[in-house]
Protein backbone atom coordinates (compact mmCIF):
# COMPACT_ATOMS: atom_id res chain seq x y z
CA MET A 1 -122.27 -110.72 -5.57
CA ARG A 2 -121.31 -113.77 -3.52
CA ILE A 3 -118.01 -115.53 -3.99
CA HIS A 4 -118.28 -119.26 -3.74
CA ARG A 5 -116.20 -120.87 -0.97
CA ASP A 6 -114.85 -123.56 -3.34
CA ALA A 7 -113.61 -120.90 -5.75
CA ILE A 8 -111.67 -119.19 -2.96
CA ALA A 9 -110.21 -122.52 -1.81
CA GLY A 10 -109.19 -123.32 -5.39
CA ALA A 11 -107.51 -119.94 -5.82
CA VAL A 12 -105.56 -120.44 -2.60
CA VAL A 13 -104.36 -123.88 -3.73
CA VAL A 14 -103.24 -122.48 -7.11
CA ALA A 15 -101.38 -119.62 -5.39
CA VAL A 16 -99.57 -122.02 -3.05
CA VAL A 17 -98.53 -124.27 -5.95
CA VAL A 18 -97.26 -121.30 -8.00
CA VAL A 19 -95.19 -120.00 -5.07
CA ALA A 20 -93.84 -123.48 -4.29
CA LEU A 21 -92.78 -124.10 -7.90
CA ALA A 22 -91.37 -120.65 -8.57
CA PRO A 23 -87.59 -120.49 -8.74
CA SER A 24 -86.22 -119.12 -5.50
CA ALA A 25 -83.48 -116.55 -5.38
CA SER A 26 -82.80 -115.84 -1.78
CA ALA A 27 -80.37 -113.33 -0.43
CA THR A 28 -77.26 -114.45 1.39
CA PRO A 29 -77.25 -112.98 4.90
CA SER A 30 -74.20 -111.54 6.56
CA SER A 31 -72.48 -113.40 9.38
CA GLY A 32 -69.92 -112.34 11.96
CA VAL A 33 -70.44 -108.66 11.16
CA THR A 34 -70.68 -105.78 13.63
CA VAL A 35 -71.77 -102.36 12.39
CA GLU A 36 -71.13 -99.17 14.35
CA PRO A 37 -72.89 -96.06 13.03
CA LEU A 38 -70.52 -93.09 13.25
CA ALA A 39 -72.26 -90.12 11.63
CA GLN A 40 -74.80 -89.08 9.04
CA VAL A 41 -74.66 -85.80 7.16
CA ASP A 42 -77.77 -84.37 5.52
CA ALA A 43 -76.66 -82.44 2.44
CA SER A 44 -80.15 -81.96 0.96
CA GLY A 45 -80.03 -78.19 1.47
CA PHE A 46 -77.05 -77.85 -0.84
CA SER A 47 -78.80 -78.70 -4.11
CA PRO A 48 -82.23 -78.15 -5.64
CA PHE A 49 -81.82 -81.38 -7.62
CA THR A 50 -83.53 -84.33 -5.88
CA TRP A 51 -81.63 -86.85 -7.99
CA LEU A 52 -78.29 -85.78 -6.52
CA PRO A 53 -76.94 -87.57 -3.45
CA SER A 54 -78.19 -85.81 -0.34
CA LYS A 55 -77.00 -88.00 2.51
CA VAL A 56 -73.57 -89.24 3.56
CA THR A 57 -73.49 -92.04 6.13
CA PHE A 58 -70.32 -93.13 7.92
CA ARG A 59 -69.97 -96.54 9.57
CA ARG A 60 -67.28 -98.72 11.09
CA ILE A 61 -67.76 -102.33 10.05
CA THR A 62 -65.95 -105.20 11.75
CA ILE A 63 -65.92 -108.67 10.19
CA ALA A 64 -64.92 -111.55 12.45
CA PRO A 65 -62.57 -114.24 11.10
CA GLY A 66 -64.67 -116.42 8.81
CA GLY A 67 -67.37 -113.72 8.62
CA SER A 68 -69.06 -112.37 5.51
CA LEU A 69 -70.99 -109.26 4.50
CA GLY A 70 -73.33 -111.43 2.39
CA TRP A 71 -74.03 -110.79 -1.28
CA HIS A 72 -75.45 -107.34 -1.95
CA TYR A 73 -75.24 -104.28 -4.16
CA HIS A 74 -75.44 -100.51 -3.76
CA ASP A 75 -77.65 -98.00 -5.57
CA SER A 76 -75.17 -95.19 -4.91
CA ASN A 77 -71.46 -94.68 -4.34
CA VAL A 78 -69.63 -96.36 -1.47
CA PHE A 79 -66.04 -95.70 -0.43
CA ALA A 80 -64.14 -97.68 2.21
CA VAL A 81 -60.73 -98.05 3.77
CA VAL A 82 -59.54 -101.20 5.52
CA THR A 83 -57.98 -100.23 8.86
CA ALA A 84 -57.26 -103.69 10.33
CA GLY A 85 -56.92 -107.21 9.00
CA GLN A 86 -57.91 -107.89 5.42
CA VAL A 87 -61.11 -108.21 3.42
CA THR A 88 -61.51 -110.39 0.34
CA ARG A 89 -64.12 -109.05 -2.06
CA TYR A 90 -65.84 -111.24 -4.63
CA GLU A 91 -67.82 -109.70 -7.46
CA ALA A 92 -70.29 -111.43 -9.80
CA ASP A 93 -67.39 -113.06 -11.68
CA CYS A 94 -66.40 -114.71 -8.35
CA VAL A 95 -62.76 -113.61 -8.71
CA PRO A 96 -61.30 -112.67 -5.30
CA THR A 97 -59.55 -109.36 -4.64
CA THR A 98 -57.97 -108.92 -1.21
CA TYR A 99 -57.59 -105.54 0.48
CA ALA A 100 -55.22 -105.23 3.45
CA ALA A 101 -55.07 -102.62 6.21
CA GLY A 102 -54.30 -99.22 4.71
CA GLN A 103 -55.92 -99.94 1.34
CA GLY A 104 -59.06 -98.24 0.07
CA LEU A 105 -61.77 -99.39 -2.28
CA SER A 106 -64.95 -98.17 -3.93
CA GLU A 107 -68.01 -100.13 -4.99
CA THR A 108 -69.51 -100.20 -8.47
CA VAL A 109 -73.16 -99.08 -8.43
CA GLY A 110 -76.25 -101.04 -9.44
CA PRO A 111 -77.97 -104.44 -9.22
CA ASP A 112 -75.75 -105.86 -11.95
CA HIS A 113 -72.73 -105.38 -9.64
CA VAL A 114 -73.39 -107.77 -6.76
CA HIS A 115 -70.48 -108.44 -4.44
CA THR A 116 -69.56 -109.69 -1.00
CA GLY A 117 -66.71 -109.09 1.41
CA ASN A 118 -65.28 -111.93 3.47
CA ASN A 119 -62.70 -112.14 6.21
CA LEU A 120 -60.57 -115.15 5.32
CA GLY A 121 -57.92 -114.20 7.87
CA THR A 122 -57.38 -115.08 11.54
CA GLU A 123 -57.92 -111.61 13.02
CA PRO A 124 -60.91 -109.26 12.81
CA ALA A 125 -61.09 -107.06 9.73
CA GLU A 126 -62.17 -103.45 10.16
CA LEU A 127 -63.43 -101.01 7.54
CA TYR A 128 -64.46 -97.37 7.71
CA VAL A 129 -67.17 -96.87 5.11
CA ALA A 130 -68.83 -93.79 3.58
CA TYR A 131 -72.16 -94.26 1.74
CA VAL A 132 -73.20 -91.36 -0.52
CA ASN A 133 -76.95 -91.76 -1.09
CA ARG A 134 -80.11 -89.98 -2.08
CA ALA A 135 -82.69 -89.41 0.69
CA ASN A 136 -84.61 -92.57 1.70
CA GLU A 137 -82.36 -94.82 -0.36
CA PRO A 138 -81.05 -97.97 1.39
CA LEU A 139 -77.34 -98.23 2.08
CA PHE A 140 -77.30 -101.64 0.41
CA VAL A 141 -79.68 -104.19 -1.09
CA ASP A 142 -79.35 -107.90 -0.30
CA ALA A 143 -78.90 -110.13 -3.35
CA PRO A 144 -78.64 -113.83 -4.15
CA ALA A 145 -75.18 -115.26 -4.71
CA PRO A 146 -74.14 -115.51 -8.37
CA ASP A 147 -73.56 -118.87 -9.99
CA CYS A 148 -69.84 -119.36 -9.43
CA PRO A 149 -67.88 -122.08 -11.21
């Protein structure tokens, strides 16, 4: 069976138009962020259940003044402590919550819990973060910014 060249060209044009007219929801990239991997612990040998978390990843994250983690969410638990400066977290409701050095926080799990962390201060903000994930699961998933008033 031969495919006619005009049919292929027509299909390409239709595909381009559909992509161009589709609503775009692009992720918001991070800016001014430095990530230092500290350690990763494989706990897969401790449980026969594959759905249980099997990996713990530790990172130090520094956010420069004016920097942002970008909008994202987590598929598993995340725990953090701010060790320098302050971080202002916005969730999908766009209400700010500021965490200062010495304060801890945890993230709510799932794509319906997008959030970002910003450094609105004048000095670098530093966080020590623990991600508790299943094997091969990303530490975070980029997400578009919510529609804030």
